[in-house]
Amino acid sequence: MKLSTKGRYGIKAMVDIALEYGNGRLSVNQLAEKQGISVAYLEQLIASLKKAGLVDSARGASGGYTLSRAPELISVGEVLRALEGSTAILECVGVDGTECANVCSCSARPLWLKLQKRIDDVLNTTTIKDMADDYSIQLERKSNETSLS
């Protein structure tokens, strides 16, 4: 599995939205500025997240984006699958079956399956809230370092 910019920026956008959860909505312009990406590209990502039921939107002066449910109820795996599709490291370990003729005789397949299981475990047990909490701590450390200088 190699993450594209869709997956990387989508996760970061979800974390930014999670940091505002319960305090209102973030506009697409605010999110794009935080991410350093174009509004048009961010709208594509948000459309996929909205289609997957992970983000809600509202139009108007107080419009913007919010999570469709609490950040502790959204896994990183859900977000990546919405943006990237499969999170399989190789086709032969994905959920869509396999095209590999050597699947039953491949000496490396048990290793690939173990790796895939560990990746899936991390993606499915790490929530957007976990990431937002970790990011908040990271920002606090940076702020403390800056104030000590």
Protein backbone atom coordinates (compact mmCIF):
# COMPACT_ATOMS: atom_id res chain seq x y z
CA MET A 1 0.00 0.00 0.00
CA LYS A 2 1.37 3.34 -1.01
CA LEU A 3 -0.60 6.34 0.13
CA SER A 4 -1.35 8.97 -2.44
CA THR A 5 -1.78 12.64 -1.65
CA LYS A 6 -5.52 11.95 -1.44
CA GLY A 7 -5.01 9.71 1.57
CA ARG A 8 -2.43 11.92 3.25
CA TYR A 9 -4.30 15.19 2.84
CA GLY A 10 -7.65 13.54 3.54
CA ILE A 11 -6.44 12.22 6.90
CA LYS A 12 -4.97 15.62 7.78
CA ALA A 13 -8.23 17.35 6.83
CA MET A 14 -10.20 14.93 9.00
CA VAL A 15 -7.89 15.69 11.94
CA ASP A 16 -8.35 19.44 11.41
CA ILE A 17 -12.12 19.00 11.29
CA ALA A 18 -11.98 16.79 14.40
CA LEU A 19 -10.13 19.51 16.32
CA GLU A 20 -13.18 21.74 15.76
CA TYR A 21 -15.74 19.01 16.49
CA GLY A 22 -18.51 20.43 18.66
CA ASN A 23 -17.33 24.02 18.11
CA GLY A 24 -18.74 24.67 14.66
CA ARG A 25 -17.76 24.07 11.09
CA LEU A 26 -14.58 24.68 9.12
CA SER A 27 -14.93 26.31 5.72
CA VAL A 28 -13.25 24.83 2.70
CA ASN A 29 -11.03 27.93 2.56
CA GLN A 30 -9.92 27.46 6.18
CA LEU A 31 -9.16 23.79 5.57
CA ALA A 32 -7.29 24.45 2.31
CA GLU A 33 -5.19 27.11 4.04
CA LYS A 34 -4.34 24.77 6.93
CA GLN A 35 -3.35 22.04 4.47
CA GLY A 36 -1.56 24.28 2.00
CA ILE A 37 -3.53 22.84 -0.91
CA SER A 38 -5.97 24.25 -3.44
CA VAL A 39 -9.64 24.61 -2.63
CA ALA A 40 -10.52 22.63 -5.77
CA TYR A 41 -8.38 19.64 -4.71
CA LEU A 42 -9.71 19.74 -1.16
CA GLU A 43 -13.30 19.80 -2.47
CA GLN A 44 -12.57 16.55 -4.34
CA LEU A 45 -11.33 14.93 -1.13
CA ILE A 46 -14.27 16.21 0.89
CA ALA A 47 -16.70 14.91 -1.76
CA SER A 48 -15.31 11.39 -1.28
CA LEU A 49 -15.47 11.73 2.52
CA LYS A 50 -19.02 13.05 2.31
CA LYS A 51 -20.08 10.21 -0.01
CA ALA A 52 -18.67 7.72 2.53
CA GLY A 53 -20.76 9.34 5.27
CA LEU A 54 -17.77 10.64 7.22
CA VAL A 55 -18.31 14.39 6.75
CA ASP A 56 -21.39 16.62 6.76
CA SER A 57 -21.59 20.01 5.10
CA ALA A 58 -23.74 23.11 5.28
CA ARG A 59 -23.95 26.07 2.94
CA GLY A 60 -24.21 29.71 3.80
CA ALA A 61 -22.48 32.22 6.05
CA SER A 62 -22.04 29.72 8.89
CA GLY A 63 -21.49 26.84 6.51
CA GLY A 64 -18.57 24.50 6.21
CA TYR A 65 -17.66 20.97 7.18
CA THR A 66 -17.98 18.91 10.31
CA LEU A 67 -17.60 15.21 11.08
CA SER A 68 -20.77 13.18 10.62
CA ARG A 69 -20.15 11.47 13.96
CA ALA A 70 -17.83 11.80 16.92
CA PRO A 71 -14.12 11.52 16.03
CA GLU A 72 -13.68 8.54 18.36
CA LEU A 73 -16.18 6.66 16.16
CA ILE A 74 -14.29 7.17 12.90
CA SER A 75 -11.31 4.94 12.19
CA VAL A 76 -8.36 5.90 10.06
CA GLY A 77 -9.09 2.75 8.05
CA GLU A 78 -12.55 4.06 7.12
CA VAL A 79 -11.07 7.32 5.92
CA LEU A 80 -8.34 5.67 3.86
CA ARG A 81 -10.75 3.21 2.26
CA ALA A 82 -13.04 6.12 1.32
CA LEU A 83 -10.15 7.98 -0.31
CA GLU A 84 -7.83 5.26 -1.57
CA GLY A 85 -10.03 2.20 -1.99
CA SER A 86 -8.19 -0.91 -0.88
CA THR A 87 -5.50 -0.69 1.76
CA ALA A 88 -3.94 -3.98 0.65
CA ILE A 89 -0.16 -4.00 0.39
CA LEU A 90 -0.40 -6.52 -2.48
CA GLU A 91 -3.29 -7.71 -4.60
CA CYS A 92 -2.93 -11.26 -3.29
CA VAL A 93 -3.84 -10.20 0.26
CA GLY A 94 -6.71 -7.87 -0.61
CA VAL A 95 -10.37 -8.51 0.04
CA ASP A 96 -11.23 -8.57 -3.66
CA GLY A 97 -9.63 -11.95 -4.19
CA THR A 98 -6.52 -12.53 -6.17
CA GLU A 99 -5.37 -12.81 -9.73
CA CYS A 100 -2.12 -14.48 -8.70
CA ALA A 101 -1.80 -18.04 -9.95
CA ASN A 102 0.76 -18.79 -7.23
CA VAL A 103 -1.40 -17.90 -4.24
CA CYS A 104 -1.47 -21.45 -2.87
CA SER A 105 2.20 -22.14 -3.51
CA CYS A 106 3.74 -18.75 -2.71
CA SER A 107 6.32 -19.07 0.05
CA ALA A 108 6.10 -15.34 0.87
CA ARG A 109 2.30 -15.11 1.11
CA PRO A 110 2.11 -15.98 4.84
CA LEU A 111 4.40 -13.02 5.55
CA TRP A 112 2.29 -10.70 3.36
CA LEU A 113 -0.85 -11.84 5.16
CA LYS A 114 0.72 -11.16 8.58
CA LEU A 115 1.84 -7.70 7.46
CA GLN A 116 -1.60 -6.95 6.05
CA LYS A 117 -3.28 -8.03 9.29
CA ARG A 118 -1.05 -5.75 11.36
CA ILE A 119 -1.63 -2.82 9.02
CA ASP A 120 -5.39 -3.40 9.10
CA ASP A 121 -5.33 -3.68 12.91
CA VAL A 122 -3.57 -0.32 13.24
CA LEU A 123 -5.78 1.42 10.67
CA ASN A 124 -9.00 0.02 12.16
CA THR A 125 -8.17 0.65 15.82
CA THR A 126 -6.69 4.14 15.42
CA THR A 127 -9.41 6.75 15.45
CA ILE A 128 -9.47 10.28 14.15
CA LYS A 129 -9.76 11.36 17.80
CA ASP A 130 -6.52 9.50 18.58
CA MET A 131 -4.81 11.37 15.78
CA ALA A 132 -6.30 14.73 16.83
CA ASP A 133 -5.18 14.17 20.44
CA ASP A 134 -1.66 13.25 19.31
CA TYR A 135 -1.55 16.30 17.05
CA SER A 136 -2.70 18.59 19.87
CA ILE A 137 0.14 17.29 22.05
CA GLN A 138 2.59 17.82 19.20
CA LEU A 139 1.40 21.43 18.75
CA GLU A 140 1.63 22.06 22.48
CA ARG A 141 5.23 20.78 22.58
CA LYS A 142 6.14 22.99 19.64
CA SER A 143 4.53 25.99 21.34
CA ASN A 144 6.42 25.29 24.56
CA GLU A 145 9.72 24.96 22.69
CA THR A 146 9.10 28.24 20.90
CA SER A 147 8.27 30.09 24.12
CA LEU A 148 11.44 28.76 25.78
CA SER A 149 13.65 30.07 22.98
